[in-house]
PDB file of N, CA and C in Angstrom:
ATOM      1  N   MET A   1      13.134 -47.900 -33.259  1.00  0.00           N
ATOM      2  CA  MET A   1      12.011 -47.439 -34.139  1.00  0.00           C
ATOM      3  C   MET A   1      12.859 -46.523 -35.239  1.00  0.00           C
ATOM      4  N   SER A   2      12.361 -46.837 -36.477  1.00  0.00           N
ATOM      5  CA  SER A   2      12.906 -46.052 -37.626  1.00  0.00           C
ATOM      6  C   SER A   2      12.507 -44.551 -37.608  1.00  0.00           C
ATOM      7  N   ASP A   3      13.263 -43.713 -38.058  1.00  0.00           N
ATOM      8  CA  ASP A   3      12.887 -42.260 -38.309  1.00  0.00           C
ATOM      9  C   ASP A   3      12.108 -42.024 -39.495  1.00  0.00           C
ATOM     10  N   ARG A   4      12.178 -43.037 -40.555  1.00  0.00           N
ATOM     11  CA  ARG A   4      11.572 -42.979 -41.747  1.00  0.00           C
ATOM     12  C   ARG A   4       9.961 -42.514 -41.658  1.00  0.00           C
ATOM     13  N   CYS A   5       9.690 -41.455 -42.306  1.00  0.00           N
ATOM     14  CA  CYS A   5       8.075 -41.232 -42.373  1.00  0.00           C
ATOM     15  C   CYS A   5       7.551 -41.221 -43.786  1.00  0.00           C
ATOM     16  N   ASP A   6       6.387 -41.377 -43.794  1.00  0.00           N
ATOM     17  CA  ASP A   6       5.653 -41.217 -45.044  1.00  0.00           C
ATOM     18  C   ASP A   6       4.861 -39.664 -45.087  1.00  0.00           C
ATOM     19  N   TYR A   7       4.766 -39.380 -46.180  1.00  0.00           N
ATOM     20  CA  TYR A   7       4.051 -37.775 -46.299  1.00  0.00           C
ATOM     21  C   TYR A   7       2.787 -37.926 -46.774  1.00  0.00           C
ATOM     22  N   VAL A   8       1.785 -37.254 -46.165  1.00  0.00           N
ATOM     23  CA  VAL A   8       0.436 -37.424 -46.781  1.00  0.00           C
ATOM     24  C   VAL A   8       0.038 -35.970 -47.140  1.00  0.00           C
ATOM     25  N   PHE A   9      -0.641 -35.610 -48.108  1.00  0.00           N
ATOM     26  CA  PHE A   9      -1.266 -34.389 -48.631  1.00  0.00           C
ATOM     27  C   PHE A   9      -2.578 -34.469 -48.282  1.00  0.00           C
ATOM     28  N   GLY A  10      -3.298 -33.459 -47.649  1.00  0.00           N
ATOM     29  CA  GLY A  10      -4.703 -33.491 -47.423  1.00  0.00           C
ATOM     30  C   GLY A  10      -5.210 -32.129 -47.409  1.00  0.00           C
ATOM     31  N   PHE A  11      -6.559 -32.123 -47.502  1.00  0.00           N
ATOM     32  CA  PHE A  11      -7.189 -30.867 -47.277  1.00  0.00           C
ATOM     33  C   PHE A  11      -8.439 -31.050 -46.572  1.00  0.00           C
ATOM     34  N   GLY A  12      -9.250 -30.141 -46.217  1.00  0.00           N
ATOM     35  CA  GLY A  12     -10.512 -30.320 -45.427  1.00  0.00           C
ATOM     36  C   GLY A  12     -10.165 -30.634 -43.960  1.00  0.00           C
ATOM     37  N   SER A  13     -11.023 -31.751 -43.401  1.00  0.00           N
ATOM     38  CA  SER A  13     -10.883 -31.785 -42.057  1.00  0.00           C
ATOM     39  C   SER A  13      -9.517 -32.552 -41.620  1.00  0.00           C
ATOM     40  N   ILE A  14      -8.802 -33.137 -42.629  1.00  0.00           N
ATOM     41  CA  ILE A  14      -7.535 -33.789 -42.187  1.00  0.00           C
ATOM     42  C   ILE A  14      -6.574 -32.755 -41.856  1.00  0.00           C
ATOM     43  N   MET A  15      -6.756 -31.547 -42.287  1.00  0.00           N
ATOM     44  CA  MET A  15      -5.867 -30.439 -41.918  1.00  0.00           C
ATOM     45  C   MET A  15      -5.853 -30.085 -40.516  1.00  0.00           C
ATOM     46  N   ASP A  16      -6.850 -30.310 -39.910  1.00  0.00           N
ATOM     47  CA  ASP A  16      -7.016 -30.137 -38.452  1.00  0.00           C
ATOM     48  C   ASP A  16      -6.355 -31.080 -37.606  1.00  0.00           C
ATOM     49  N   THR A  17      -5.154 -30.770 -37.132  1.00  0.00           N
ATOM     50  CA  THR A  17      -4.266 -31.775 -36.505  1.00  0.00           C
ATOM     51  C   THR A  17      -4.650 -32.145 -35.198  1.00  0.00           C
ATOM     52  N   SER A  18      -5.640 -31.350 -34.839  1.00  0.00           N
ATOM     53  CA  SER A  18      -6.295 -31.810 -33.335  1.00  0.00           C
ATOM     54  C   SER A  18      -7.166 -33.105 -33.474  1.00  0.00           C
ATOM     55  N   THR A  19      -7.363 -33.541 -34.743  1.00  0.00           N
ATOM     56  CA  THR A  19      -8.162 -34.606 -35.036  1.00  0.00           C
ATOM     57  C   THR A  19      -7.227 -35.915 -35.024  1.00  0.00           C
ATOM     58  N   HIS A  20      -6.014 -35.621 -35.353  1.00  0.00           N
ATOM     59  CA  HIS A  20      -4.898 -36.567 -35.506  1.00  0.00           C
ATOM     60  C   HIS A  20      -4.842 -37.537 -34.315  1.00  0.00           C
ATOM     61  N   ALA A  21      -5.267 -37.020 -33.129  1.00  0.00           N
ATOM     62  CA  ALA A  21      -4.953 -37.901 -31.875  1.00  0.00           C
ATOM     63  C   ALA A  21      -5.981 -39.044 -31.768  1.00  0.00           C
ATOM     64  N   THR A  22      -7.065 -39.007 -32.760  1.00  0.00           N
ATOM     65  CA  THR A  22      -7.860 -40.088 -32.651  1.00  0.00           C
ATOM     66  C   THR A  22      -7.227 -41.348 -33.429  1.00  0.00           C
ATOM     67  N   TRP A  23      -6.249 -41.287 -34.101  1.00  0.00           N
ATOM     68  CA  TRP A  23      -5.693 -42.263 -34.829  1.00  0.00           C
ATOM     69  C   TRP A  23      -3.963 -42.371 -34.680  1.00  0.00           C
ATOM     70  N   GLN A  24      -3.475 -41.343 -34.458  1.00  0.00           N
ATOM     71  CA  GLN A  24      -1.970 -41.283 -34.413  1.00  0.00           C
ATOM     72  C   GLN A  24      -1.614 -41.756 -32.890  1.00  0.00           C
ATOM     73  N   THR A  25      -0.916 -42.826 -32.735  1.00  0.00           N
ATOM     74  CA  THR A  25      -0.426 -43.385 -31.539  1.00  0.00           C
ATOM     75  C   THR A  25       0.970 -43.128 -31.306  1.00  0.00           C
ATOM     76  N   SER A  26       1.912 -42.836 -32.358  1.00  0.00           N
ATOM     77  CA  SER A  26       3.212 -42.803 -32.155  1.00  0.00           C
ATOM     78  C   SER A  26       3.496 -41.139 -32.226  1.00  0.00           C
ATOM     79  N   LYS A  27       4.537 -40.790 -31.390  1.00  0.00           N
ATOM     80  CA  LYS A  27       4.893 -39.342 -31.368  1.00  0.00           C
ATOM     81  C   LYS A  27       6.229 -39.191 -32.057  1.00  0.00           C
ATOM     82  N   SER A  28       6.673 -40.198 -32.802  1.00  0.00           N
ATOM     83  CA  SER A  28       8.140 -40.152 -33.288  1.00  0.00           C
ATOM     84  C   SER A  28       8.047 -39.227 -34.446  1.00  0.00           C
ATOM     85  N   CYS A  29       6.903 -39.042 -35.177  1.00  0.00           N
ATOM     86  CA  CYS A  29       6.841 -38.160 -36.476  1.00  0.00           C
ATOM     87  C   CYS A  29       5.614 -37.394 -36.388  1.00  0.00           C
ATOM     88  N   ALA A  30       5.700 -36.293 -35.469  1.00  0.00           N
ATOM     89  CA  ALA A  30       4.655 -35.399 -35.106  1.00  0.00           C
ATOM     90  C   ALA A  30       4.264 -34.775 -36.481  1.00  0.00           C
ATOM     91  N   PRO A  31       2.920 -34.407 -36.665  1.00  0.00           N
ATOM     92  CA  PRO A  31       2.595 -33.664 -37.937  1.00  0.00           C
ATOM     93  C   PRO A  31       3.391 -32.387 -38.137  1.00  0.00           C
ATOM     94  N   MET A  32       3.479 -32.143 -39.389  1.00  0.00           N
ATOM     95  CA  MET A  32       4.287 -30.874 -39.840  1.00  0.00           C
ATOM     96  C   MET A  32       3.314 -29.727 -39.995  1.00  0.00           C
ATOM     97  N   LEU A  33       3.166 -29.051 -38.846  1.00  0.00           N
ATOM     98  CA  LEU A  33       2.187 -28.104 -38.782  1.00  0.00           C
ATOM     99  C   LEU A  33       2.407 -26.938 -39.680  1.00  0.00           C
ATOM    100  N   GLY A  34       1.424 -26.652 -40.461  1.00  0.00           N
ATOM    101  CA  GLY A  34       1.463 -25.447 -41.177  1.00  0.00           C
ATOM    102  C   GLY A  34       2.401 -25.573 -42.534  1.00  0.00           C
ATOM    103  N   SER A  35       2.442 -26.792 -42.974  1.00  0.00           N
ATOM    104  CA  SER A  35       3.342 -26.889 -44.202  1.00  0.00           C
ATOM    105  C   SER A  35       2.460 -26.976 -45.408  1.00  0.00           C
ATOM    106  N   VAL A  36       2.095 -25.733 -45.680  1.00  0.00           N
ATOM    107  CA  VAL A  36       1.227 -25.581 -46.943  1.00  0.00           C
ATOM    108  C   VAL A  36       1.878 -26.108 -48.188  1.00  0.00           C
ATOM    109  N   ALA A  37       0.972 -26.850 -49.201  1.00  0.00           N
ATOM    110  CA  ALA A  37       1.514 -27.391 -50.222  1.00  0.00           C
ATOM    111  C   ALA A  37       0.568 -27.317 -51.362  1.00  0.00           C
ATOM    112  N   THR A  38       0.910 -27.323 -52.635  1.00  0.00           N
ATOM    113  CA  THR A  38       0.101 -27.406 -53.745  1.00  0.00           C
ATOM    114  C   THR A  38       0.286 -28.483 -54.786  1.00  0.00           C
ATOM    115  N   ILE A  39      -0.569 -29.386 -55.074  1.00  0.00           N
ATOM    116  CA  ILE A  39      -0.397 -30.069 -56.123  1.00  0.00           C
ATOM    117  C   ILE A  39      -0.645 -29.623 -57.558  1.00  0.00           C
ATOM    118  N   SER A  40       0.234 -29.567 -58.386  1.00  0.00           N
ATOM    119  CA  SER A  40       0.235 -28.772 -59.555  1.00  0.00           C
ATOM    120  C   SER A  40      -0.945 -29.489 -60.526  1.00  0.00           C
ATOM    121  N   LYS A  41      -1.459 -28.664 -61.182  1.00  0.00           N
ATOM    122  CA  LYS A  41      -2.449 -29.053 -62.375  1.00  0.00           C
ATOM    123  C   LYS A  41      -1.880 -29.875 -63.317  1.00  0.00           C
ATOM    124  N   ARG A  42      -0.565 -29.844 -63.436  1.00  0.00           N
ATOM    125  CA  ARG A  42       0.239 -30.847 -64.262  1.00  0.00           C
ATOM    126  C   ARG A  42      -0.060 -32.374 -64.000  1.00  0.00           C
ATOM    127  N   PHE A  43      -0.392 -32.500 -62.827  1.00  0.00           N
ATOM    128  CA  PHE A  43      -0.448 -33.881 -62.290  1.00  0.00           C
ATOM    129  C   PHE A  43      -1.890 -34.660 -62.749  1.00  0.00           C
ATOM    130  N   GLY A  44      -2.744 -33.718 -63.277  1.00  0.00           N
ATOM    131  CA  GLY A  44      -4.007 -34.189 -64.032  1.00  0.00           C
ATOM    132  C   GLY A  44      -5.148 -34.559 -63.115  1.00  0.00           C
ATOM    133  N   TYR A  45      -5.123 -33.801 -61.882  1.00  0.00           N
ATOM    134  CA  TYR A  45      -6.285 -34.155 -61.039  1.00  0.00           C
ATOM    135  C   TYR A  45      -7.016 -32.749 -60.730  1.00  0.00           C
ATOM    136  N   ARG A  46      -8.226 -33.159 -60.052  1.00  0.00           N
ATOM    137  CA  ARG A  46      -8.962 -32.035 -59.699  1.00  0.00           C
ATOM    138  C   ARG A  46      -9.782 -32.355 -58.409  1.00  0.00           C
ATOM    139  N   ARG A  47     -10.171 -31.320 -57.605  1.00  0.00           N
ATOM    140  CA  ARG A  47     -10.973 -31.543 -56.330  1.00  0.00           C
ATOM    141  C   ARG A  47     -12.390 -31.790 -56.900  1.00  0.00           C
ATOM    142  N   GLN A  48     -13.138 -32.588 -56.244  1.00  0.00           N
ATOM    143  CA  GLN A  48     -14.503 -32.879 -56.663  1.00  0.00           C
ATOM    144  C   GLN A  48     -15.246 -33.526 -55.508  1.00  0.00           C
ATOM    145  N   TRP A  49     -16.467 -33.210 -55.418  1.00  0.00           N
ATOM    146  CA  TRP A  49     -17.282 -33.753 -54.401  1.00  0.00           C
ATOM    147  C   TRP A  49     -17.467 -35.346 -54.863  1.00  0.00           C
ATOM    148  N   ASN A  50     -16.756 -36.230 -54.560  1.00  0.00           N
ATOM    149  CA  ASN A  50     -16.821 -37.519 -55.060  1.00  0.00           C
ATOM    150  C   ASN A  50     -16.765 -38.670 -53.976  1.00  0.00           C
ATOM    151  N   PHE A  51     -17.031 -38.315 -52.857  1.00  0.00           N
ATOM    152  CA  PHE A  51     -17.039 -39.305 -51.797  1.00  0.00           C
ATOM    153  C   PHE A  51     -18.272 -39.251 -50.843  1.00  0.00           C
ATOM    154  N   ARG A  52     -18.910 -40.305 -50.832  1.00  0.00           N
ATOM    155  CA  ARG A  52     -20.215 -40.470 -49.974  1.00  0.00           C
ATOM    156  C   ARG A  52     -20.009 -41.609 -48.961  1.00  0.00           C
ATOM    157  N   SER A  53     -20.281 -41.106 -47.693  1.00  0.00           N
ATOM    158  CA  SER A  53     -19.954 -41.905 -46.638  1.00  0.00           C
ATOM    159  C   SER A  53     -21.057 -42.951 -46.363  1.00  0.00           C
ATOM    160  N   ASP A  54     -20.903 -43.967 -45.597  1.00  0.00           N
ATOM    161  CA  ASP A  54     -22.005 -44.835 -45.269  1.00  0.00           C
ATOM    162  C   ASP A  54     -22.887 -44.178 -44.179  1.00  0.00           C
ATOM    163  N   THR A  55     -22.413 -43.097 -43.696  1.00  0.00           N
ATOM    164  CA  THR A  55     -23.384 -42.290 -42.668  1.00  0.00           C
ATOM    165  C   THR A  55     -24.078 -41.162 -43.341  1.00  0.00           C
ATOM    166  N   GLY A  56     -23.735 -40.875 -44.667  1.00  0.00           N
ATOM    167  CA  GLY A  56     -24.592 -40.029 -45.228  1.00  0.00           C
ATOM    168  C   GLY A  56     -24.107 -38.788 -45.765  1.00  0.00           C
ATOM    169  N   PHE A  57     -22.789 -38.469 -45.167  1.00  0.00           N
ATOM    170  CA  PHE A  57     -22.121 -37.091 -45.683  1.00  0.00           C
ATOM    171  C   PHE A  57     -21.335 -37.145 -47.000  1.00  0.00           C
ATOM    172  N   THR A  58     -21.341 -36.082 -47.684  1.00  0.00           N
ATOM    173  CA  THR A  58     -20.577 -35.908 -49.010  1.00  0.00           C
ATOM    174  C   THR A  58     -19.324 -35.231 -48.642  1.00  0.00           C
ATOM    175  N   ALA A  59     -18.010 -35.629 -49.271  1.00  0.00           N
ATOM    176  CA  ALA A  59     -17.094 -34.933 -48.972  1.00  0.00           C
ATOM    177  C   ALA A  59     -16.107 -34.861 -50.207  1.00  0.00           C
ATOM    178  N   LEU A  60     -15.163 -33.918 -50.205  1.00  0.00           N
ATOM    179  CA  LEU A  60     -14.290 -33.464 -51.307  1.00  0.00           C
ATOM    180  C   LEU A  60     -13.159 -34.650 -51.295  1.00  0.00           C
ATOM    181  N   GLY A  61     -12.825 -34.830 -52.521  1.00  0.00           N
ATOM    182  CA  GLY A  61     -11.822 -35.794 -52.742  1.00  0.00           C
ATOM    183  C   GLY A  61     -11.206 -35.293 -54.027  1.00  0.00           C
ATOM    184  N   VAL A  62     -10.151 -36.047 -54.481  1.00  0.00           N
ATOM    185  CA  VAL A  62      -9.595 -35.682 -55.860  1.00  0.00           C
ATOM    186  C   VAL A  62      -9.868 -36.682 -56.903  1.00  0.00           C
ATOM    187  N   SER A  63     -10.045 -36.467 -58.003  1.00  0.00           N
ATOM    188  CA  SER A  63     -10.159 -37.406 -59.201  1.00  0.00           C
ATOM    189  C   SER A  63      -9.469 -36.991 -60.419  1.00  0.00           C
ATOM    190  N   ARG A  64      -9.176 -38.027 -61.226  1.00  0.00           N
ATOM    191  CA  ARG A  64      -8.534 -37.780 -62.419  1.00  0.00           C
ATOM    192  C   ARG A  64      -9.303 -36.874 -63.294  1.00  0.00           C
ATOM    193  N   ALA A  65      -8.742 -35.667 -63.873  1.00  0.00           N
ATOM    194  CA  ALA A  65      -9.547 -34.966 -64.690  1.00  0.00           C
ATOM    195  C   ALA A  65      -9.652 -35.562 -65.916  1.00  0.00           C
ATOM    196  N   GLU A  66     -10.840 -35.595 -66.582  1.00  0.00           N
ATOM    197  CA  GLU A  66     -11.340 -36.245 -67.684  1.00  0.00           C
ATOM    198  C   GLU A  66     -10.900 -35.729 -69.051  1.00  0.00           C
ATOM    199  N   ARG A  67     -10.680 -34.427 -68.840  1.00  0.00           N
ATOM    200  CA  ARG A  67     -10.141 -33.582 -70.104  1.00  0.00           C
ATOM    201  C   ARG A  67      -8.894 -32.802 -69.647  1.00  0.00           C
ATOM    202  N   GLU A  68      -8.048 -32.640 -70.405  1.00  0.00           N
ATOM    203  CA  GLU A  68      -6.728 -32.051 -70.196  1.00  0.00           C
ATOM    204  C   GLU A  68      -7.028 -30.631 -69.412  1.00  0.00           C
ATOM    205  N   GLY A  69      -7.844 -29.815 -69.803  1.00  0.00           N
ATOM    206  CA  GLY A  69      -8.022 -28.600 -69.484  1.00  0.00           C
ATOM    207  C   GLY A  69      -8.741 -28.608 -68.116  1.00  0.00           C
ATOM    208  N   ASP A  70      -9.389 -29.717 -67.656  1.00  0.00           N
ATOM    209  CA  ASP A  70     -10.154 -29.715 -66.322  1.00  0.00           C
ATOM    210  C   ASP A  70      -9.372 -29.846 -65.081  1.00  0.00           C
ATOM    211  N   SER A  71      -7.975 -30.172 -65.296  1.00  0.00           N
ATOM    212  CA  SER A  71      -7.270 -30.210 -64.094  1.00  0.00           C
ATOM    213  C   SER A  71      -6.896 -28.868 -63.319  1.00  0.00           C
ATOM    214  N   CYS A  72      -6.702 -28.872 -61.943  1.00  0.00           N
ATOM    215  CA  CYS A  72      -6.373 -27.628 -61.402  1.00  0.00           C
ATOM    216  C   CYS A  72      -5.560 -27.795 -60.372  1.00  0.00           C
ATOM    217  N   ASP A  73      -4.851 -26.734 -59.993  1.00  0.00           N
ATOM    218  CA  ASP A  73      -3.881 -26.697 -58.718  1.00  0.00           C
ATOM    219  C   ASP A  73      -4.769 -27.138 -57.580  1.00  0.00           C
ATOM    220  N   ILE A  74      -4.282 -27.861 -56.842  1.00  0.00           N
ATOM    221  CA  ILE A  74      -4.987 -28.150 -55.381  1.00  0.00           C
ATOM    222  C   ILE A  74      -4.147 -27.845 -54.231  1.00  0.00           C
ATOM    223  N   ASN A  75      -4.788 -26.903 -53.394  1.00  0.00           N
ATOM    224  CA  ASN A  75      -4.084 -26.585 -52.251  1.00  0.00           C
ATOM    225  C   ASN A  75      -4.423 -27.492 -51.021  1.00  0.00           C
ATOM    226  N   GLY A  76      -3.421 -27.437 -50.088  1.00  0.00           N
ATOM    227  CA  GLY A  76      -3.708 -28.328 -48.989  1.00  0.00           C
ATOM    228  C   GLY A  76      -2.421 -28.107 -48.118  1.00  0.00           C
ATOM    229  N   VAL A  77      -2.333 -29.301 -47.157  1.00  0.00           N
ATOM    230  CA  VAL A  77      -1.327 -29.192 -46.122  1.00  0.00           C
ATOM    231  C   VAL A  77      -0.480 -30.618 -46.294  1.00  0.00           C
ATOM    232  N   LEU A  78       0.715 -30.533 -46.254  1.00  0.00           N
ATOM    233  CA  LEU A  78       1.572 -31.824 -46.309  1.00  0.00           C
ATOM    234  C   LEU A  78       2.075 -31.950 -44.748  1.00  0.00           C
ATOM    235  N   PHE A  79       1.811 -33.217 -44.322  1.00  0.00           N
ATOM    236  CA  PHE A  79       2.366 -33.693 -43.090  1.00  0.00           C
ATOM    237  C   PHE A  79       2.747 -35.231 -43.131  1.00  0.00           C
ATOM    238  N   ARG A  80       3.670 -35.435 -42.067  1.00  0.00           N
ATOM    239  CA  ARG A  80       4.341 -36.713 -42.093  1.00  0.00           C
ATOM    240  C   ARG A  80       3.699 -37.779 -40.921  1.00  0.00           C
ATOM    241  N   ILE A  81       3.702 -38.925 -41.454  1.00  0.00           N
ATOM    242  CA  ILE A  81       3.103 -40.007 -40.778  1.00  0.00           C
ATOM    243  C   ILE A  81       4.184 -41.238 -40.695  1.00  0.00           C
ATOM    244  N   PRO A  82       4.495 -41.653 -39.649  1.00  0.00           N
ATOM    245  CA  PRO A  82       5.401 -42.925 -39.568  1.00  0.00           C
ATOM    246  C   PRO A  82       4.551 -44.072 -40.220  1.00  0.00           C
ATOM    247  N   PRO A  83       5.445 -45.054 -40.943  1.00  0.00           N
ATOM    248  CA  PRO A  83       4.914 -46.156 -41.671  1.00  0.00           C
ATOM    249  C   PRO A  83       4.061 -46.926 -40.608  1.00  0.00           C
ATOM    250  N   SER A  84       4.202 -47.084 -39.514  1.00  0.00           N
ATOM    251  CA  SER A  84       3.463 -47.845 -38.431  1.00  0.00           C
ATOM    252  C   SER A  84       2.142 -47.289 -38.340  1.00  0.00           C
ATOM    253  N   GLU A  85       1.896 -46.083 -38.674  1.00  0.00           N
ATOM    254  CA  GLU A  85       0.488 -45.412 -38.405  1.00  0.00           C
ATOM    255  C   GLU A  85      -0.263 -45.431 -39.569  1.00  0.00           C
ATOM    256  N   MET A  86       0.217 -45.836 -40.825  1.00  0.00           N
ATOM    257  CA  MET A  86      -0.596 -45.622 -41.975  1.00  0.00           C
ATOM    258  C   MET A  86      -1.932 -46.369 -42.088  1.00  0.00           C
ATOM    259  N   GLU A  87      -1.899 -47.619 -41.244  1.00  0.00           N
ATOM    260  CA  GLU A  87      -3.017 -48.461 -41.379  1.00  0.00           C
ATOM    261  C   GLU A  87      -4.179 -47.678 -40.316  1.00  0.00           C
ATOM    262  N   ASN A  88      -3.752 -46.928 -39.162  1.00  0.00           N
ATOM    263  CA  ASN A  88      -4.550 -46.112 -38.412  1.00  0.00           C
ATOM    264  C   ASN A  88      -5.033 -45.082 -39.194  1.00  0.00           C
ATOM    265  N   PHE A  89      -4.341 -44.413 -39.983  1.00  0.00           N
ATOM    266  CA  PHE A  89      -4.686 -43.216 -40.878  1.00  0.00           C
ATOM    267  C   PHE A  89      -5.636 -43.803 -41.738  1.00  0.00           C
ATOM    268  N   ASP A  90      -5.363 -44.967 -42.480  1.00  0.00           N
ATOM    269  CA  ASP A  90      -6.445 -45.375 -43.507  1.00  0.00           C
ATOM    270  C   ASP A  90      -7.759 -45.685 -42.922  1.00  0.00           C
ATOM    271  N   ARG A  91      -7.673 -46.127 -41.705  1.00  0.00           N
ATOM    272  CA  ARG A  91      -8.954 -46.390 -40.988  1.00  0.00           C
ATOM    273  C   ARG A  91      -9.839 -45.046 -40.759  1.00  0.00           C
ATOM    274  N   ARG A  92      -9.019 -44.005 -40.391  1.00  0.00           N
ATOM    275  CA  ARG A  92      -9.629 -42.694 -40.258  1.00  0.00           C
ATOM    276  C   ARG A  92     -10.216 -42.357 -41.621  1.00  0.00           C
ATOM    277  N   GLU A  93      -9.673 -42.607 -42.649  1.00  0.00           N
ATOM    278  CA  GLU A  93      -9.936 -42.129 -43.886  1.00  0.00           C
ATOM    279  C   GLU A  93     -10.492 -43.096 -44.816  1.00  0.00           C
ATOM    280  N   ALA A  94     -11.457 -43.988 -44.136  1.00  0.00           N
ATOM    281  CA  ALA A  94     -12.108 -45.164 -44.801  1.00  0.00           C
ATOM    282  C   ALA A  94     -12.888 -44.656 -46.035  1.00  0.00           C
ATOM    283  N   GLY A  95     -12.756 -45.459 -47.130  1.00  0.00           N
ATOM    284  CA  GLY A  95     -13.520 -45.157 -48.276  1.00  0.00           C
ATOM    285  C   GLY A  95     -12.703 -44.244 -49.391  1.00  0.00           C
ATOM    286  N   TYR A  96     -11.679 -43.570 -48.892  1.00  0.00           N
ATOM    287  CA  TYR A  96     -10.727 -42.829 -49.829  1.00  0.00           C
ATOM    288  C   TYR A  96      -9.831 -43.917 -50.288  1.00  0.00           C
ATOM    289  N   GLU A  97      -9.105 -43.424 -51.463  1.00  0.00           N
ATOM    290  CA  GLU A  97      -8.115 -44.339 -52.016  1.00  0.00           C
ATOM    291  C   GLU A  97      -6.872 -43.568 -52.151  1.00  0.00           C
ATOM    292  N   ARG A  98      -5.670 -44.125 -51.608  1.00  0.00           N
ATOM    293  CA  ARG A  98      -4.559 -43.342 -51.661  1.00  0.00           C
ATOM    294  C   ARG A  98      -3.945 -43.227 -53.187  1.00  0.00           C
ATOM    295  N   ILE A  99      -3.329 -42.108 -53.528  1.00  0.00           N
ATOM    296  CA  ILE A  99      -2.622 -42.201 -54.802  1.00  0.00           C
ATOM    297  C   ILE A  99      -1.313 -41.418 -54.626  1.00  0.00           C
ATOM    298  N   ALA A 100      -0.312 -41.972 -55.508  1.00  0.00           N
ATOM    299  CA  ALA A 100       1.065 -41.349 -55.169  1.00  0.00           C
ATOM    300  C   ALA A 100       1.086 -40.174 -56.133  1.00  0.00           C
ATOM    301  N   ILE A 101       1.611 -39.081 -55.487  1.00  0.00           N
ATOM    302  CA  ILE A 101       1.854 -37.798 -56.087  1.00  0.00           C
ATOM    303  C   ILE A 101       3.495 -37.737 -56.492  1.00  0.00           C
ATOM    304  N   PRO A 102       3.547 -37.557 -57.870  1.00  0.00           N
ATOM    305  CA  PRO A 102       5.068 -37.437 -58.323  1.00  0.00           C
ATOM    306  C   PRO A 102       5.734 -36.122 -57.618  1.00  0.00           C
ATOM    307  N   LEU A 103       6.968 -36.181 -57.383  1.00  0.00           N
ATOM    308  CA  LEU A 103       7.704 -35.269 -56.459  1.00  0.00           C
ATOM    309  C   LEU A 103       8.045 -34.100 -57.316  1.00  0.00           C
ATOM    310  N   ASP A 104       8.036 -34.185 -58.717  1.00  0.00           N
ATOM    311  CA  ASP A 104       8.643 -33.115 -59.677  1.00  0.00           C
ATOM    312  C   ASP A 104       7.620 -32.540 -60.617  1.00  0.00           C
TER     313      ASP A 104
END
């Protein structure tokens, strides 16, 4: 098995690592507990109530800021996931769209 892991930034319920057991089957890349991270407003995104599930709840997501001044820093947690688990993670986060975050 490879030691390579993908990193996922999240906020809200995904920060509760006790919920990871519902989709994480590999123990090779345990979540990075307490790794606080901020996505800079220079990235051009903002948090927004933009996700409505089939079961009726509304959740926060991120969306591209429509105007330059509308973007904001987004606080959350960074944790790692083995590539073999991304499909399971995507199933837990059904309806959301992954976006790449620049590292600089």
